[in-house]
C-alpha atoms as a PDB file:
ATOM      1  CA  MET A   1     -12.873   1.420  -1.055  1.00  0.00           C
ATOM      2  CA  ASN A   2     -12.161   1.314   2.694  1.00  0.00           C
ATOM      3  CA  ASN A   3     -14.518   2.916   5.184  1.00  0.00           C
ATOM      4  CA  PRO A   4     -13.426   6.129   6.914  1.00  0.00           C
ATOM      5  CA  VAL A   5     -11.362   5.767  10.054  1.00  0.00           C
ATOM      6  CA  THR A   6     -10.867   8.053  13.012  1.00  0.00           C
ATOM      7  CA  PRO A   7      -7.293   9.357  13.286  1.00  0.00           C
ATOM      8  CA  CYS A   8      -6.874   8.548  16.998  1.00  0.00           C
ATOM      9  CA  LYS A   9      -3.686   7.568  18.831  1.00  0.00           C
ATOM     10  CA  LEU A  10      -1.613   8.702  15.896  1.00  0.00           C
ATOM     11  CA  ALA A  11       1.948   9.855  16.490  1.00  0.00           C
ATOM     12  CA  LEU A  12       2.621  13.347  15.117  1.00  0.00           C
ATOM     13  CA  TYR A  13       5.981  15.080  14.789  1.00  0.00           C
ATOM     14  CA  ALA A  14       6.659  18.805  14.497  1.00  0.00           C
ATOM     15  CA  THR A  15       9.538  20.213  12.472  1.00  0.00           C
ATOM     16  CA  PRO A  16      11.874  22.857  13.893  1.00  0.00           C
ATOM     17  CA  PRO A  17      10.848  26.407  12.885  1.00  0.00           C
ATOM     18  CA  HIS A  18      11.735  27.132   9.272  1.00  0.00           C
ATOM     19  CA  GLU A  19      11.194  29.883   6.721  1.00  0.00           C
ATOM     20  CA  CYS A  20       7.536  30.233   5.759  1.00  0.00           C
ATOM     21  CA  SER A  21       6.787  29.382   2.116  1.00  0.00           C
ATOM     22  CA  TYR A  22       3.813  31.740   1.945  1.00  0.00           C
ATOM     23  CA  ILE A  23       4.473  34.900   3.946  1.00  0.00           C
ATOM     24  CA  PRO A  24       7.879  36.631   3.859  1.00  0.00           C
ATOM     25  CA  GLN A  25       9.816  37.128   7.097  1.00  0.00           C
ATOM     26  CA  ARG A  26       7.751  34.612   9.033  1.00  0.00           C
ATOM     27  CA  GLU A  27       8.724  31.288  10.525  1.00  0.00           C
ATOM     28  CA  ALA A  28       6.616  28.181  10.127  1.00  0.00           C
ATOM     29  CA  THR A  29       6.327  24.833  11.861  1.00  0.00           C
ATOM     30  CA  THR A  30       4.896  21.783  10.119  1.00  0.00           C
ATOM     31  CA  LEU A  31       3.208  18.819  11.756  1.00  0.00           C
ATOM     32  CA  PHE A  32       3.757  15.424  10.098  1.00  0.00           C
ATOM     33  CA  THR A  33       2.240  12.041  10.771  1.00  0.00           C
ATOM     34  CA  ASP A  34       4.671   9.331  11.813  1.00  0.00           C
ATOM     35  CA  PRO A  35       6.456   8.426   8.546  1.00  0.00           C
ATOM     36  CA  LEU A  36       6.738   4.788   9.651  1.00  0.00           C
ATOM     37  CA  ILE A  37       3.021   4.080  10.087  1.00  0.00           C
ATOM     38  CA  PRO A  38       1.162   2.388   7.203  1.00  0.00           C
ATOM     39  CA  LYS A  39      -0.865   4.968   5.291  1.00  0.00           C
ATOM     40  CA  SER A  40      -4.050   4.423   3.315  1.00  0.00           C
ATOM     41  CA  THR A  41      -6.815   6.295   1.562  1.00  0.00           C
ATOM     42  CA  ALA A  42      -9.061   5.714   4.585  1.00  0.00           C
ATOM     43  CA  LEU A  43      -6.547   7.234   7.003  1.00  0.00           C
ATOM     44  CA  TYR A  44      -5.828  10.142   4.688  1.00  0.00           C
ATOM     45  CA  SER A  45      -9.554  10.807   4.252  1.00  0.00           C
ATOM     46  CA  ALA A  46     -10.001  11.051   8.017  1.00  0.00           C
ATOM     47  CA  LEU A  47      -6.976  13.328   8.367  1.00  0.00           C
ATOM     48  CA  ALA A  48      -8.121  15.536   5.484  1.00  0.00           C
ATOM     49  CA  ARG A  49     -11.216  16.311   7.539  1.00  0.00           C
ATOM     50  CA  GLU A  50      -8.789  17.565  10.226  1.00  0.00           C
ATOM     51  CA  GLY A  51      -6.996  19.872   7.791  1.00  0.00           C
ATOM     52  CA  PHE A  52      -4.106  17.635   6.701  1.00  0.00           C
ATOM     53  CA  ARG A  53      -2.642  17.424   3.196  1.00  0.00           C
ATOM     54  CA  ARG A  54      -0.408  15.050   1.255  1.00  0.00           C
ATOM     55  CA  SER A  55       3.024  15.945  -0.102  1.00  0.00           C
ATOM     56  CA  GLY A  56       4.747  12.944  -1.615  1.00  0.00           C
ATOM     57  CA  GLU A  57       4.651  10.076   0.874  1.00  0.00           C
ATOM     58  CA  HIS A  58       3.912  12.390   3.804  1.00  0.00           C
ATOM     59  CA  ILE A  59       0.720  13.726   5.406  1.00  0.00           C
ATOM     60  CA  TYR A  60       1.129  17.131   7.056  1.00  0.00           C
ATOM     61  CA  ARG A  61      -0.500  20.339   8.236  1.00  0.00           C
ATOM     62  CA  PRO A  62       0.806  23.731   9.412  1.00  0.00           C
ATOM     63  CA  HIS A  63       1.307  24.014  13.169  1.00  0.00           C
ATOM     64  CA  CYS A  64       2.682  27.502  13.768  1.00  0.00           C
ATOM     65  CA  ARG A  65       2.747  28.835  17.320  1.00  0.00           C
ATOM     66  CA  ASN A  66       2.027  32.506  16.596  1.00  0.00           C
ATOM     67  CA  CYS A  67       0.236  32.373  13.256  1.00  0.00           C
ATOM     68  CA  GLN A  68      -3.018  30.883  11.974  1.00  0.00           C
ATOM     69  CA  ALA A  69      -2.852  32.321   8.472  1.00  0.00           C
ATOM     70  CA  CYS A  70      -3.141  28.911   6.751  1.00  0.00           C
ATOM     71  CA  VAL A  71      -6.804  27.902   6.692  1.00  0.00           C
ATOM     72  CA  PRO A  72      -7.906  24.539   5.207  1.00  0.00           C
ATOM     73  CA  VAL A  73     -10.687  25.039   2.639  1.00  0.00           C
ATOM     74  CA  ARG A  74     -12.924  22.772   0.587  1.00  0.00           C
ATOM     75  CA  VAL A  75     -15.762  23.129  -1.916  1.00  0.00           C
ATOM     76  CA  PRO A  76     -19.073  21.299  -1.246  1.00  0.00           C
ATOM     77  CA  VAL A  77     -19.418  20.245  -4.874  1.00  0.00           C
ATOM     78  CA  SER A  78     -23.180  19.676  -4.939  1.00  0.00           C
ATOM     79  CA  GLU A  79     -23.706  23.340  -4.035  1.00  0.00           C
ATOM     80  CA  PHE A  80     -21.096  24.863  -6.337  1.00  0.00           C
ATOM     81  CA  ARG A  81     -22.400  27.456  -8.797  1.00  0.00           C
ATOM     82  CA  PRO A  82     -20.004  28.669 -11.517  1.00  0.00           C
ATOM     83  CA  ARG A  83     -19.530  32.387 -11.987  1.00  0.00           C
ATOM     84  CA  ARG A  84     -19.527  34.082 -15.360  1.00  0.00           C
ATOM     85  CA  ASN A  85     -15.736  34.086 -15.700  1.00  0.00           C
ATOM     86  CA  GLN A  86     -15.657  30.381 -14.809  1.00  0.00           C
ATOM     87  CA  LEU A  87     -18.290  29.607 -17.431  1.00  0.00           C
ATOM     88  CA  ARG A  88     -16.258  31.537 -20.007  1.00  0.00           C
ATOM     89  CA  THR A  89     -13.170  29.493 -19.122  1.00  0.00           C
ATOM     90  CA  TRP A  90     -15.129  26.242 -19.317  1.00  0.00           C
ATOM     91  CA  LYS A  91     -16.577  27.060 -22.749  1.00  0.00           C
ATOM     92  CA  LEU A  92     -13.280  28.383 -24.111  1.00  0.00           C
ATOM     93  CA  ASN A  93     -11.612  25.023 -23.404  1.00  0.00           C
ATOM     94  CA  GLN A  94     -14.182  22.661 -24.874  1.00  0.00           C
ATOM     95  CA  ASP A  95     -11.663  21.805 -27.593  1.00  0.00           C
ATOM     96  CA  LEU A  96      -9.368  20.118 -25.038  1.00  0.00           C
ATOM     97  CA  GLN A  97      -9.342  16.398 -24.310  1.00  0.00           C
ATOM     98  CA  VAL A  98      -9.018  15.271 -20.685  1.00  0.00           C
ATOM     99  CA  THR A  99      -7.581  11.842 -19.861  1.00  0.00           C
ATOM    100  CA  ALA A 100      -6.959  10.175 -16.509  1.00  0.00           C
ATOM    101  CA  ALA A 101      -3.399   8.826 -16.479  1.00  0.00           C
ATOM    102  CA  LEU A 102      -1.304   6.868 -14.002  1.00  0.00           C
ATOM    103  CA  PRO A 103       0.868   8.974 -11.647  1.00  0.00           C
ATOM    104  CA  LEU A 104       4.172   8.098 -13.263  1.00  0.00           C
ATOM    105  CA  PHE A 105       7.257  10.010 -14.312  1.00  0.00           C
ATOM    106  CA  LYS A 106       7.286  10.832 -18.006  1.00  0.00           C
ATOM    107  CA  GLU A 107       9.698  13.144 -19.738  1.00  0.00           C
ATOM    108  CA  GLU A 108       6.753  14.977 -21.317  1.00  0.00           C
ATOM    109  CA  TYR A 109       5.276  15.627 -17.874  1.00  0.00           C
ATOM    110  CA  PHE A 110       8.578  16.757 -16.425  1.00  0.00           C
ATOM    111  CA  GLN A 111       9.279  19.221 -19.239  1.00  0.00           C
ATOM    112  CA  LEU A 112       5.859  20.797 -18.693  1.00  0.00           C
ATOM    113  CA  TYR A 113       6.477  20.931 -14.929  1.00  0.00           C
ATOM    114  CA  GLU A 114       9.946  22.419 -15.349  1.00  0.00           C
ATOM    115  CA  GLY A 115       8.670  25.129 -17.699  1.00  0.00           C
ATOM    116  CA  TYR A 116       5.812  25.986 -15.345  1.00  0.00           C
ATOM    117  CA  ILE A 117       8.073  26.270 -12.284  1.00  0.00           C
ATOM    118  CA  SER A 118      10.544  28.422 -14.184  1.00  0.00           C
ATOM    119  CA  ALA A 119       7.829  30.802 -15.384  1.00  0.00           C
ATOM    120  CA  ARG A 120       5.562  30.964 -12.325  1.00  0.00           C
ATOM    121  CA  HIS A 121       7.676  30.178  -9.248  1.00  0.00           C
ATOM    122  CA  ARG A 122      11.151  31.482  -9.949  1.00  0.00           C
ATOM    123  CA  GLY A 123      12.898  32.241  -6.662  1.00  0.00           C
ATOM    124  CA  GLY A 124      10.220  30.450  -4.647  1.00  0.00           C
ATOM    125  CA  GLY A 125      12.306  27.539  -3.443  1.00  0.00           C
ATOM    126  CA  MET A 126      11.294  25.175  -6.251  1.00  0.00           C
ATOM    127  CA  ASP A 127      13.787  26.407  -8.851  1.00  0.00           C
ATOM    128  CA  HIS A 128      15.681  23.901 -10.980  1.00  0.00           C
ATOM    129  CA  PRO A 129      13.579  20.823 -10.205  1.00  0.00           C
ATOM    130  CA  ASP A 130      14.949  17.426 -11.120  1.00  0.00           C
ATOM    131  CA  PRO A 131      13.093  14.199 -11.963  1.00  0.00           C
ATOM    132  CA  GLN A 132      13.463  12.833  -8.433  1.00  0.00           C
ATOM    133  CA  HIS A 133      11.938  15.989  -6.954  1.00  0.00           C
ATOM    134  CA  PHE A 134       9.018  15.646  -9.363  1.00  0.00           C
ATOM    135  CA  VAL A 135       8.341  12.077  -8.245  1.00  0.00           C
ATOM    136  CA  ASP A 136       8.904  12.743  -4.542  1.00  0.00           C
ATOM    137  CA  PHE A 137       6.598  15.772  -4.522  1.00  0.00           C
ATOM    138  CA  LEU A 138       3.645  14.585  -6.603  1.00  0.00           C
ATOM    139  CA  THR A 139       3.405  10.819  -6.184  1.00  0.00           C
ATOM    140  CA  SER A 140       3.326   8.288  -3.376  1.00  0.00           C
ATOM    141  CA  SER A 141       3.241   4.522  -2.960  1.00  0.00           C
ATOM    142  CA  TRP A 142      -0.010   4.467  -0.973  1.00  0.00           C
ATOM    143  CA  SER A 143      -2.329   7.204  -2.288  1.00  0.00           C
ATOM    144  CA  GLU A 144      -4.991   6.844  -4.988  1.00  0.00           C
ATOM    145  CA  THR A 145      -3.539   9.510  -7.242  1.00  0.00           C
ATOM    146  CA  VAL A 146      -4.461  10.411 -10.816  1.00  0.00           C
ATOM    147  CA  PHE A 147      -2.726  12.690 -13.298  1.00  0.00           C
ATOM    148  CA  TYR A 148      -5.410  14.364 -15.417  1.00  0.00           C
ATOM    149  CA  GLU A 149      -3.930  15.296 -18.783  1.00  0.00           C
ATOM    150  CA  PHE A 150      -5.379  18.274 -20.669  1.00  0.00           C
ATOM    151  CA  ARG A 151      -4.432  18.127 -24.351  1.00  0.00           C
ATOM    152  CA  LEU A 152      -5.033  20.233 -27.423  1.00  0.00           C
ATOM    153  CA  GLU A 153      -4.942  17.503 -30.054  1.00  0.00           C
ATOM    154  CA  ARG A 154      -1.641  15.824 -29.073  1.00  0.00           C
ATOM    155  CA  ARG A 155      -0.050  18.771 -27.298  1.00  0.00           C
ATOM    156  CA  LEU A 156       0.001  18.478 -23.508  1.00  0.00           C
ATOM    157  CA  LEU A 157      -1.138  21.793 -22.005  1.00  0.00           C
ATOM    158  CA  ALA A 158      -1.726  20.935 -18.338  1.00  0.00           C
ATOM    159  CA  ILE A 159      -1.586  18.251 -15.669  1.00  0.00           C
ATOM    160  CA  ALA A 160      -3.881  18.258 -12.638  1.00  0.00           C
ATOM    161  CA  VAL A 161      -2.615  15.973  -9.868  1.00  0.00           C
ATOM    162  CA  VAL A 162      -5.576  14.700  -7.831  1.00  0.00           C
ATOM    163  CA  ASP A 163      -5.941  12.337  -4.880  1.00  0.00           C
ATOM    164  CA  TYR A 164      -9.109  10.271  -4.523  1.00  0.00           C
ATOM    165  CA  LEU A 165     -10.382  10.094  -0.955  1.00  0.00           C
ATOM    166  CA  VAL A 166     -13.278   8.104   0.506  1.00  0.00           C
ATOM    167  CA  ASP A 167     -15.732  10.997   0.216  1.00  0.00           C
ATOM    168  CA  ALA A 168     -13.839  13.691  -1.697  1.00  0.00           C
ATOM    169  CA  LEU A 169     -11.177  14.648  -4.178  1.00  0.00           C
ATOM    170  CA  SER A 170      -8.076  16.512  -3.083  1.00  0.00           C
ATOM    171  CA  ALA A 171      -6.397  18.889  -5.527  1.00  0.00           C
ATOM    172  CA  VAL A 172      -2.695  18.239  -4.968  1.00  0.00           C
ATOM    173  CA  TYR A 173      -1.072  20.416  -7.640  1.00  0.00           C
ATOM    174  CA  THR A 174      -1.671  21.755 -11.142  1.00  0.00           C
ATOM    175  CA  PHE A 175       0.963  22.798 -13.643  1.00  0.00           C
ATOM    176  CA  PHE A 176       0.513  24.002 -17.201  1.00  0.00           C
ATOM    177  CA  ASP A 177       2.138  25.549 -20.261  1.00  0.00           C
ATOM    178  CA  PRO A 178       2.573  29.298 -19.537  1.00  0.00           C
ATOM    179  CA  GLN A 179       2.206  30.031 -23.260  1.00  0.00           C
ATOM    180  CA  TYR A 180      -1.510  29.243 -22.918  1.00  0.00           C
ATOM    181  CA  ALA A 181      -2.218  31.622 -20.038  1.00  0.00           C
ATOM    182  CA  LYS A 182      -5.295  33.031 -21.825  1.00  0.00           C
ATOM    183  CA  ARG A 183      -7.009  29.678 -21.397  1.00  0.00           C
ATOM    184  CA  SER A 184      -6.884  29.997 -17.555  1.00  0.00           C
ATOM    185  CA  LEU A 185      -5.826  26.354 -17.263  1.00  0.00           C
ATOM    186  CA  GLY A 186      -5.482  26.457 -13.485  1.00  0.00           C
ATOM    187  CA  ARG A 187      -9.109  27.549 -13.185  1.00  0.00           C
ATOM    188  CA  LEU A 188     -10.151  24.937 -15.737  1.00  0.00           C
ATOM    189  CA  ALA A 189      -8.470  22.175 -13.725  1.00  0.00           C
ATOM    190  CA  ILE A 190     -10.412  23.058 -10.578  1.00  0.00           C
ATOM    191  CA  LEU A 191     -13.685  23.264 -12.493  1.00  0.00           C
ATOM    192  CA  TYR A 192     -12.989  19.836 -13.969  1.00  0.00           C
ATOM    193  CA  GLU A 193     -12.207  18.413 -10.521  1.00  0.00           C
ATOM    194  CA  ILE A 194     -15.475  19.805  -9.147  1.00  0.00           C
ATOM    195  CA  LYS A 195     -17.358  18.220 -12.047  1.00  0.00           C
ATOM    196  CA  GLU A 196     -15.564  14.898 -11.536  1.00  0.00           C
ATOM    197  CA  ALA A 197     -16.279  14.834  -7.806  1.00  0.00           C
ATOM    198  CA  LYS A 198     -19.946  15.683  -8.385  1.00  0.00           C
ATOM    199  CA  GLU A 199     -20.382  12.984 -11.027  1.00  0.00           C
ATOM    200  CA  ARG A 200     -18.824  10.380  -8.731  1.00  0.00           C
ATOM    201  CA  GLY A 201     -21.137  11.260  -5.864  1.00  0.00           C
ATOM    202  CA  LEU A 202     -18.361  12.660  -3.683  1.00  0.00           C
ATOM    203  CA  LYS A 203     -19.018  15.471  -1.227  1.00  0.00           C
ATOM    204  CA  TRP A 204     -16.058  17.817  -1.447  1.00  0.00           C
ATOM    205  CA  LEU A 205     -13.070  19.049  -3.364  1.00  0.00           C
ATOM    206  CA  TYR A 206     -10.252  19.930  -0.975  1.00  0.00           C
ATOM    207  CA  LEU A 207      -8.252  22.929  -2.197  1.00  0.00           C
ATOM    208  CA  GLY A 208      -5.526  22.930   0.436  1.00  0.00           C
ATOM    209  CA  TYR A 209      -4.863  26.107   2.395  1.00  0.00           C
ATOM    210  CA  TRP A 210      -6.189  29.596   1.909  1.00  0.00           C
ATOM    211  CA  VAL A 211      -3.438  31.824   3.280  1.00  0.00           C
ATOM    212  CA  SER A 212      -4.234  35.274   4.593  1.00  0.00           C
ATOM    213  CA  GLY A 213      -1.641  37.707   3.298  1.00  0.00           C
ATOM    214  CA  CYS A 214      -0.527  35.476   0.392  1.00  0.00           C
ATOM    215  CA  ARG A 215      -1.647  36.836  -2.971  1.00  0.00           C
ATOM    216  CA  LYS A 216      -1.062  33.536  -4.777  1.00  0.00           C
ATOM    217  CA  MET A 217      -3.639  31.780  -2.597  1.00  0.00           C
ATOM    218  CA  GLN A 218      -6.451  34.302  -3.046  1.00  0.00           C
ATOM    219  CA  TYR A 219      -7.771  32.536  -6.157  1.00  0.00           C
ATOM    220  CA  LYS A 220      -9.440  29.967  -3.885  1.00  0.00           C
ATOM    221  CA  ASN A 221     -12.032  32.594  -2.926  1.00  0.00           C
ATOM    222  CA  GLU A 222     -13.345  32.262  -6.476  1.00  0.00           C
ATOM    223  CA  TYR A 223     -14.950  28.872  -5.809  1.00  0.00           C
ATOM    224  CA  GLN A 224     -18.164  29.317  -3.864  1.00  0.00           C
ATOM    225  CA  PRO A 225     -19.597  28.275  -1.544  1.00  0.00           C
ATOM    226  CA  LEU A 226     -16.424  27.528   0.376  1.00  0.00           C
ATOM    227  CA  GLU A 227     -16.057  25.724   3.684  1.00  0.00           C
ATOM    228  CA  TYR A 228     -13.151  26.502   5.990  1.00  0.00           C
ATOM    229  CA  LEU A 229     -11.848  24.677   9.033  1.00  0.00           C
ATOM    230  CA  SER A 230     -12.055  26.640  12.277  1.00  0.00           C
ATOM    231  CA  GLY A 231     -10.698  24.653  15.194  1.00  0.00           C
ATOM    232  CA  SER A 232     -12.386  21.281  14.778  1.00  0.00           C
ATOM    233  CA  ARG A 233     -15.440  22.540  12.833  1.00  0.00           C
ATOM    234  CA  TRP A 234     -15.946  23.141   9.139  1.00  0.00           C
ATOM    235  CA  ILE A 235     -17.727  26.479   8.666  1.00  0.00           C
ATOM    236  CA  HIS A 236     -19.952  26.969   5.633  1.00  0.00           C
ATOM    237  CA  GLN A 237     -19.244  30.355   4.051  1.00  0.00           C
ATOM    238  CA  PRO A 238     -22.359  32.078   2.684  1.00  0.00           C
ATOM    239  CA  PHE A 239     -22.632  32.065  -1.082  1.00  0.00           C
ATOM    240  CA  ALA A 240     -23.384  35.279  -2.970  1.00  0.00           C
ATOM    241  CA  SER A 241     -24.436  34.058  -6.387  1.00  0.00           C
ATOM    242  CA  ASN A 242     -24.403  36.434  -9.324  1.00  0.00           C
ATOM    243  CA  ARG A 243     -26.963  34.317 -11.188  1.00  0.00           C
ATOM    244  CA  PRO A 244     -28.736  30.971 -10.900  1.00  0.00           C
ATOM    245  CA  LEU A 245     -27.173  27.828 -12.339  1.00  0.00           C
ATOM    246  CA  ARG A 246     -28.573  26.528 -15.609  1.00  0.00           C
ATOM    247  CA  GLN A 247     -28.959  22.809 -16.175  1.00  0.00           C
ATOM    248  CA  ASN A 248     -26.251  22.408 -18.807  1.00  0.00           C
ATOM    249  CA  ASP A 249     -23.633  24.857 -17.499  1.00  0.00           C
ATOM    250  CA  PHE A 250     -21.331  21.910 -16.769  1.00  0.00           C
END
């Protein structure tokens, strides 16, 4: 894998103000890297440390003039301690099989994605996805992306889309069968990603943006300790553990 690089002398482009996806009645501006420059895992890893994310082929971050509600967050995986509800979720799903798959379009994946969007994000701007949207949103030609399949016997219950960085994993998106809500598959996916990063000797799991005022983003507080980007510094949030970790929790 390539060594980290410093994202210097990189052309960045800001979008015109547009409707915010997270907070109603607010405008947002998004900063993108030059779409014509060659991208790589090394470049993306350096930019992730500056709060950037991947969406399809593009690397971006919020750049709003009058709002700083979107805060990049990441979990230092070696320090993570599961809470009781997380341990319950982990143990409840021990009957599932997890497989790393190539980031390709499959009809089975798309049907799961379509059902998830319809149930969980109706009216949120992602309604009525088509196969091209699926590919353009979740995959890219340059990233080291994996689709983790979660199956109950042969039935596909969830897909966790994950990017491998030089020193971290980045949780891109998770979608699952809404009929299995009691399994807390979104939580399970993050717990699995933390475990995977830890076992591979990586330092962090990037969770994207915690958004003040957006209820759907509050779940990220559940994973402690959490680091958040303030200016150019990652701040380590104190961890209030409700019990010590046992050796075989994960």
